[in-house]
Amino acid sequence: MSAITEAQINERTQAIINKNAENSGLHPDNFTDAQRQDARNFAIEQLKYENDPKVQALQAANEEIRQLRAQNEALRSRGPVAAPAGRAPFVAEQIRGRIGNATWFTLSNDAKIRAAGEDPANVSIPELKNLFGRGADTAKALDYSRQNPSDYAKKRELARLLDVYGA
């Protein structure tokens, strides 16, 4: 809680007097000493209320709630959200082009997977063959592509990278 200064009290008192003068059609100099003291007491009460940590916390919470409601309304007004695009984080042809054909054919499967930025321990070549190889179960592959489109796209690019796609 910050200390209230005399300058803040005087400034708030003058603002209250000016506002009352404007509303009543009087000149601020026409106010009596008792009216000025009432304005000063009211200014002190206002400043104490505004500097109360509990009031400040409540105002911050109310502002946060207002912002969250505005975000929620904005999201609600956007309409339905489109399904994820299902893009892989890399393209097999680009990786192969960067490395070059001469070097590409000398790399092991683990090195090719690392070149794509993936961990070889997380890649199962038999799973890639089941999804994308010759005689693959297309119904299973289609179901997987609908369940997890981004992972499906990544695995498809890995299958292309390892020459398992369609082979």
C-alpha atoms as a PDB file:
ATOM      1  CA  MET A   1       0.000   0.000   0.000  1.00  0.00           C
ATOM      2  CA  SER A   2       1.580   3.251  -1.111  1.00  0.00           C
ATOM      3  CA  ALA A   3       1.334   6.351   1.034  1.00  0.00           C
ATOM      4  CA  ILE A   4      -1.169   8.968  -0.048  1.00  0.00           C
ATOM      5  CA  THR A   5       0.475  12.346  -0.501  1.00  0.00           C
ATOM      6  CA  GLU A   6      -1.008  15.732   0.243  1.00  0.00           C
ATOM      7  CA  ALA A   7      -0.641  16.658  -3.423  1.00  0.00           C
ATOM      8  CA  GLN A   8      -2.783  13.659  -4.435  1.00  0.00           C
ATOM      9  CA  ILE A   9      -5.440  14.633  -1.887  1.00  0.00           C
ATOM     10  CA  ASN A  10      -5.478  18.252  -3.072  1.00  0.00           C
ATOM     11  CA  GLU A  11      -5.630  17.244  -6.726  1.00  0.00           C
ATOM     12  CA  ARG A  12      -8.513  14.807  -6.139  1.00  0.00           C
ATOM     13  CA  THR A  13     -10.349  17.360  -3.947  1.00  0.00           C
ATOM     14  CA  GLN A  14     -10.092  20.008  -6.649  1.00  0.00           C
ATOM     15  CA  ALA A  15     -11.332  17.525  -9.281  1.00  0.00           C
ATOM     16  CA  ILE A  16     -14.369  16.686  -7.112  1.00  0.00           C
ATOM     17  CA  ILE A  17     -15.141  20.366  -6.534  1.00  0.00           C
ATOM     18  CA  ASN A  18     -14.788  21.180 -10.252  1.00  0.00           C
ATOM     19  CA  LYS A  19     -17.062  18.276 -11.242  1.00  0.00           C
ATOM     20  CA  ASN A  20     -19.736  19.314  -8.707  1.00  0.00           C
ATOM     21  CA  ALA A  21     -19.464  22.924  -9.843  1.00  0.00           C
ATOM     22  CA  GLU A  22     -19.939  21.852 -13.448  1.00  0.00           C
ATOM     23  CA  ASN A  23     -22.951  19.698 -12.584  1.00  0.00           C
ATOM     24  CA  SER A  24     -24.622  22.354 -10.431  1.00  0.00           C
ATOM     25  CA  GLY A  25     -23.810  25.337 -12.670  1.00  0.00           C
ATOM     26  CA  LEU A  26     -21.900  27.160  -9.905  1.00  0.00           C
ATOM     27  CA  HIS A  27     -18.403  28.576  -9.880  1.00  0.00           C
ATOM     28  CA  PRO A  28     -15.894  26.585  -7.753  1.00  0.00           C
ATOM     29  CA  ASP A  29     -15.139  29.676  -5.668  1.00  0.00           C
ATOM     30  CA  ASN A  30     -18.776  29.747  -4.457  1.00  0.00           C
ATOM     31  CA  PHE A  31     -18.391  26.512  -2.432  1.00  0.00           C
ATOM     32  CA  THR A  32     -18.375  26.894   1.360  1.00  0.00           C
ATOM     33  CA  ASP A  33     -15.594  25.668   3.638  1.00  0.00           C
ATOM     34  CA  ALA A  34     -17.833  22.823   4.856  1.00  0.00           C
ATOM     35  CA  GLN A  35     -18.437  21.711   1.247  1.00  0.00           C
ATOM     36  CA  ARG A  36     -14.707  21.865   0.538  1.00  0.00           C
ATOM     37  CA  GLN A  37     -14.005  19.777   3.666  1.00  0.00           C
ATOM     38  CA  ASP A  38     -16.608  17.213   2.552  1.00  0.00           C
ATOM     39  CA  ALA A  39     -14.911  17.029  -0.863  1.00  0.00           C
ATOM     40  CA  ARG A  40     -11.525  16.572   0.854  1.00  0.00           C
ATOM     41  CA  ASN A  41     -12.843  13.781   3.092  1.00  0.00           C
ATOM     42  CA  PHE A  42     -14.413  12.075   0.073  1.00  0.00           C
ATOM     43  CA  ALA A  43     -11.111  12.392  -1.855  1.00  0.00           C
ATOM     44  CA  ILE A  44      -9.213  10.783   1.032  1.00  0.00           C
ATOM     45  CA  GLU A  45     -11.706   7.892   1.166  1.00  0.00           C
ATOM     46  CA  GLN A  46     -11.442   7.382  -2.605  1.00  0.00           C
ATOM     47  CA  LEU A  47      -7.636   7.325  -2.513  1.00  0.00           C
ATOM     48  CA  LYS A  48      -7.559   4.902   0.438  1.00  0.00           C
ATOM     49  CA  TYR A  49      -9.991   2.606  -1.396  1.00  0.00           C
ATOM     50  CA  GLU A  50      -7.988   2.723  -4.649  1.00  0.00           C
ATOM     51  CA  ASN A  51      -4.697   1.992  -2.815  1.00  0.00           C
ATOM     52  CA  ASP A  52      -6.086  -0.997  -0.884  1.00  0.00           C
ATOM     53  CA  PRO A  53      -4.201  -4.133  -2.059  1.00  0.00           C
ATOM     54  CA  LYS A  54      -7.363  -6.226  -1.899  1.00  0.00           C
ATOM     55  CA  VAL A  55      -9.202  -3.800  -4.152  1.00  0.00           C
ATOM     56  CA  GLN A  56      -6.277  -3.734  -6.575  1.00  0.00           C
ATOM     57  CA  ALA A  57      -6.200  -7.550  -6.668  1.00  0.00           C
ATOM     58  CA  LEU A  58      -9.951  -7.628  -7.287  1.00  0.00           C
ATOM     59  CA  GLN A  59      -9.656  -5.111 -10.104  1.00  0.00           C
ATOM     60  CA  ALA A  60      -6.816  -7.111 -11.688  1.00  0.00           C
ATOM     61  CA  ALA A  61      -8.867 -10.320 -11.454  1.00  0.00           C
ATOM     62  CA  ASN A  62     -11.899  -8.581 -12.970  1.00  0.00           C
ATOM     63  CA  GLU A  63      -9.769  -7.282 -15.838  1.00  0.00           C
ATOM     64  CA  GLU A  64      -8.368 -10.761 -16.460  1.00  0.00           C
ATOM     65  CA  ILE A  65     -11.894 -12.211 -16.501  1.00  0.00           C
ATOM     66  CA  ARG A  66     -13.007  -9.502 -18.924  1.00  0.00           C
ATOM     67  CA  GLN A  67     -10.117 -10.309 -21.271  1.00  0.00           C
ATOM     68  CA  LEU A  68     -10.798 -14.052 -21.093  1.00  0.00           C
ATOM     69  CA  ARG A  69     -14.469 -13.480 -21.890  1.00  0.00           C
ATOM     70  CA  ALA A  70     -13.508 -11.319 -24.864  1.00  0.00           C
ATOM     71  CA  GLN A  71     -11.136 -14.039 -26.125  1.00  0.00           C
ATOM     72  CA  ASN A  72     -13.809 -16.681 -25.627  1.00  0.00           C
ATOM     73  CA  GLU A  73     -16.343 -14.616 -27.551  1.00  0.00           C
ATOM     74  CA  ALA A  74     -13.849 -14.001 -30.341  1.00  0.00           C
ATOM     75  CA  LEU A  75     -13.148 -17.718 -30.633  1.00  0.00           C
ATOM     76  CA  ARG A  76     -16.860 -18.528 -30.545  1.00  0.00           C
ATOM     77  CA  SER A  77     -17.598 -16.052 -33.335  1.00  0.00           C
ATOM     78  CA  ARG A  78     -14.949 -17.576 -35.638  1.00  0.00           C
ATOM     79  CA  GLY A  79     -17.115 -20.579 -36.427  1.00  0.00           C
ATOM     80  CA  PRO A  80     -15.941 -24.157 -36.664  1.00  0.00           C
ATOM     81  CA  VAL A  81     -12.223 -24.778 -36.619  1.00  0.00           C
ATOM     82  CA  ALA A  82     -10.738 -26.599 -39.590  1.00  0.00           C
ATOM     83  CA  ALA A  83      -9.081 -29.951 -39.074  1.00  0.00           C
ATOM     84  CA  PRO A  84      -5.282 -29.957 -38.832  1.00  0.00           C
ATOM     85  CA  ALA A  85      -3.565 -29.840 -42.191  1.00  0.00           C
ATOM     86  CA  GLY A  86      -1.498 -32.944 -41.484  1.00  0.00           C
ATOM     87  CA  ARG A  87       1.849 -31.690 -42.689  1.00  0.00           C
ATOM     88  CA  ALA A  88       5.113 -33.332 -41.906  1.00  0.00           C
ATOM     89  CA  PRO A  89       7.887 -31.209 -40.390  1.00  0.00           C
ATOM     90  CA  PHE A  90      10.129 -32.151 -43.346  1.00  0.00           C
ATOM     91  CA  VAL A  91       9.916 -33.229 -46.990  1.00  0.00           C
ATOM     92  CA  ALA A  92      11.854 -36.331 -47.989  1.00  0.00           C
ATOM     93  CA  GLU A  93      12.877 -34.942 -51.402  1.00  0.00           C
ATOM     94  CA  GLN A  94      14.301 -31.795 -49.844  1.00  0.00           C
ATOM     95  CA  ILE A  95      16.408 -33.715 -47.355  1.00  0.00           C
ATOM     96  CA  ARG A  96      17.693 -36.009 -50.073  1.00  0.00           C
ATOM     97  CA  GLY A  97      18.452 -32.992 -52.281  1.00  0.00           C
ATOM     98  CA  ARG A  98      20.393 -31.228 -49.517  1.00  0.00           C
ATOM     99  CA  ILE A  99      22.577 -34.241 -48.871  1.00  0.00           C
ATOM    100  CA  GLY A 100      23.068 -35.162 -52.514  1.00  0.00           C
ATOM    101  CA  ASN A 101      22.533 -38.503 -54.279  1.00  0.00           C
ATOM    102  CA  ALA A 102      26.158 -39.619 -54.064  1.00  0.00           C
ATOM    103  CA  THR A 103      26.171 -39.341 -50.282  1.00  0.00           C
ATOM    104  CA  TRP A 104      22.537 -40.390 -49.859  1.00  0.00           C
ATOM    105  CA  PHE A 105      23.067 -43.962 -51.035  1.00  0.00           C
ATOM    106  CA  THR A 106      25.961 -44.461 -48.635  1.00  0.00           C
ATOM    107  CA  LEU A 107      23.911 -43.520 -45.537  1.00  0.00           C
ATOM    108  CA  SER A 108      22.341 -46.070 -43.227  1.00  0.00           C
ATOM    109  CA  ASN A 109      18.631 -45.901 -42.383  1.00  0.00           C
ATOM    110  CA  ASP A 110      19.459 -44.444 -38.963  1.00  0.00           C
ATOM    111  CA  ALA A 111      21.549 -41.686 -40.578  1.00  0.00           C
ATOM    112  CA  LYS A 112      18.714 -40.887 -43.016  1.00  0.00           C
ATOM    113  CA  ILE A 113      16.251 -40.647 -40.125  1.00  0.00           C
ATOM    114  CA  ARG A 114      18.644 -38.372 -38.210  1.00  0.00           C
ATOM    115  CA  ALA A 115      18.997 -36.202 -41.324  1.00  0.00           C
ATOM    116  CA  ALA A 116      15.234 -35.650 -41.130  1.00  0.00           C
ATOM    117  CA  GLY A 117      15.596 -34.487 -37.532  1.00  0.00           C
ATOM    118  CA  GLU A 118      13.919 -37.545 -36.025  1.00  0.00           C
ATOM    119  CA  ASP A 119      15.164 -40.020 -33.434  1.00  0.00           C
ATOM    120  CA  PRO A 120      15.834 -43.445 -34.998  1.00  0.00           C
ATOM    121  CA  ALA A 121      14.721 -45.151 -31.773  1.00  0.00           C
ATOM    122  CA  ASN A 122      11.205 -43.773 -32.301  1.00  0.00           C
ATOM    123  CA  VAL A 123      10.884 -45.019 -35.891  1.00  0.00           C
ATOM    124  CA  SER A 124       9.641 -48.546 -36.577  1.00  0.00           C
ATOM    125  CA  ILE A 125      10.420 -49.691 -40.118  1.00  0.00           C
ATOM    126  CA  PRO A 126       7.989 -52.661 -39.916  1.00  0.00           C
ATOM    127  CA  GLU A 127       5.215 -50.238 -38.946  1.00  0.00           C
ATOM    128  CA  LEU A 128       6.106 -48.034 -41.926  1.00  0.00           C
ATOM    129  CA  LYS A 129       5.958 -51.093 -44.196  1.00  0.00           C
ATOM    130  CA  ASN A 130       2.548 -52.054 -42.781  1.00  0.00           C
ATOM    131  CA  LEU A 131       1.174 -48.570 -43.414  1.00  0.00           C
ATOM    132  CA  PHE A 132       2.879 -47.645 -46.692  1.00  0.00           C
ATOM    133  CA  GLY A 133       4.624 -50.691 -48.151  1.00  0.00           C
ATOM    134  CA  ARG A 134       3.460 -53.051 -50.892  1.00  0.00           C
ATOM    135  CA  GLY A 135       0.246 -54.810 -49.903  1.00  0.00           C
ATOM    136  CA  ALA A 136      -0.412 -52.387 -47.019  1.00  0.00           C
ATOM    137  CA  ASP A 137      -3.848 -52.365 -45.415  1.00  0.00           C
ATOM    138  CA  THR A 138      -5.279 -49.157 -46.888  1.00  0.00           C
ATOM    139  CA  ALA A 139      -8.282 -49.147 -44.552  1.00  0.00           C
ATOM    140  CA  LYS A 140      -5.930 -49.201 -41.563  1.00  0.00           C
ATOM    141  CA  ALA A 141      -3.784 -46.467 -43.088  1.00  0.00           C
ATOM    142  CA  LEU A 142      -6.856 -44.319 -43.816  1.00  0.00           C
ATOM    143  CA  ASP A 143      -8.144 -44.732 -40.254  1.00  0.00           C
ATOM    144  CA  TYR A 144      -4.721 -43.773 -38.902  1.00  0.00           C
ATOM    145  CA  SER A 145      -4.578 -40.720 -41.159  1.00  0.00           C
ATOM    146  CA  ARG A 146      -7.906 -39.535 -39.760  1.00  0.00           C
ATOM    147  CA  GLN A 147      -6.976 -40.184 -36.136  1.00  0.00           C
ATOM    148  CA  ASN A 148      -3.609 -38.452 -36.200  1.00  0.00           C
ATOM    149  CA  PRO A 149      -3.018 -36.557 -39.459  1.00  0.00           C
ATOM    150  CA  SER A 150       0.280 -34.895 -38.491  1.00  0.00           C
ATOM    151  CA  ASP A 151       1.868 -38.151 -37.279  1.00  0.00           C
ATOM    152  CA  TYR A 152       0.571 -39.942 -40.384  1.00  0.00           C
ATOM    153  CA  ALA A 153       2.151 -37.286 -42.616  1.00  0.00           C
ATOM    154  CA  LYS A 154       5.448 -37.546 -40.747  1.00  0.00           C
ATOM    155  CA  LYS A 155       5.468 -41.342 -41.081  1.00  0.00           C
ATOM    156  CA  ARG A 156       4.587 -41.095 -44.775  1.00  0.00           C
ATOM    157  CA  GLU A 157       7.573 -38.828 -45.364  1.00  0.00           C
ATOM    158  CA  LEU A 158       9.791 -41.192 -43.357  1.00  0.00           C
ATOM    159  CA  ALA A 159       8.586 -44.082 -45.532  1.00  0.00           C
ATOM    160  CA  ARG A 160       9.520 -42.085 -48.623  1.00  0.00           C
ATOM    161  CA  LEU A 161      12.855 -41.198 -47.073  1.00  0.00           C
ATOM    162  CA  LEU A 162      13.682 -44.858 -46.375  1.00  0.00           C
ATOM    163  CA  ASP A 163      12.356 -46.080 -49.753  1.00  0.00           C
ATOM    164  CA  VAL A 164       9.646 -48.136 -48.049  1.00  0.00           C
ATOM    165  CA  TYR A 165       6.750 -46.200 -49.635  1.00  0.00           C
ATOM    166  CA  GLY A 166       5.058 -48.505 -52.161  1.00  0.00           C
ATOM    167  CA  ALA A 167       7.898 -51.002 -52.090  1.00  0.00           C
END
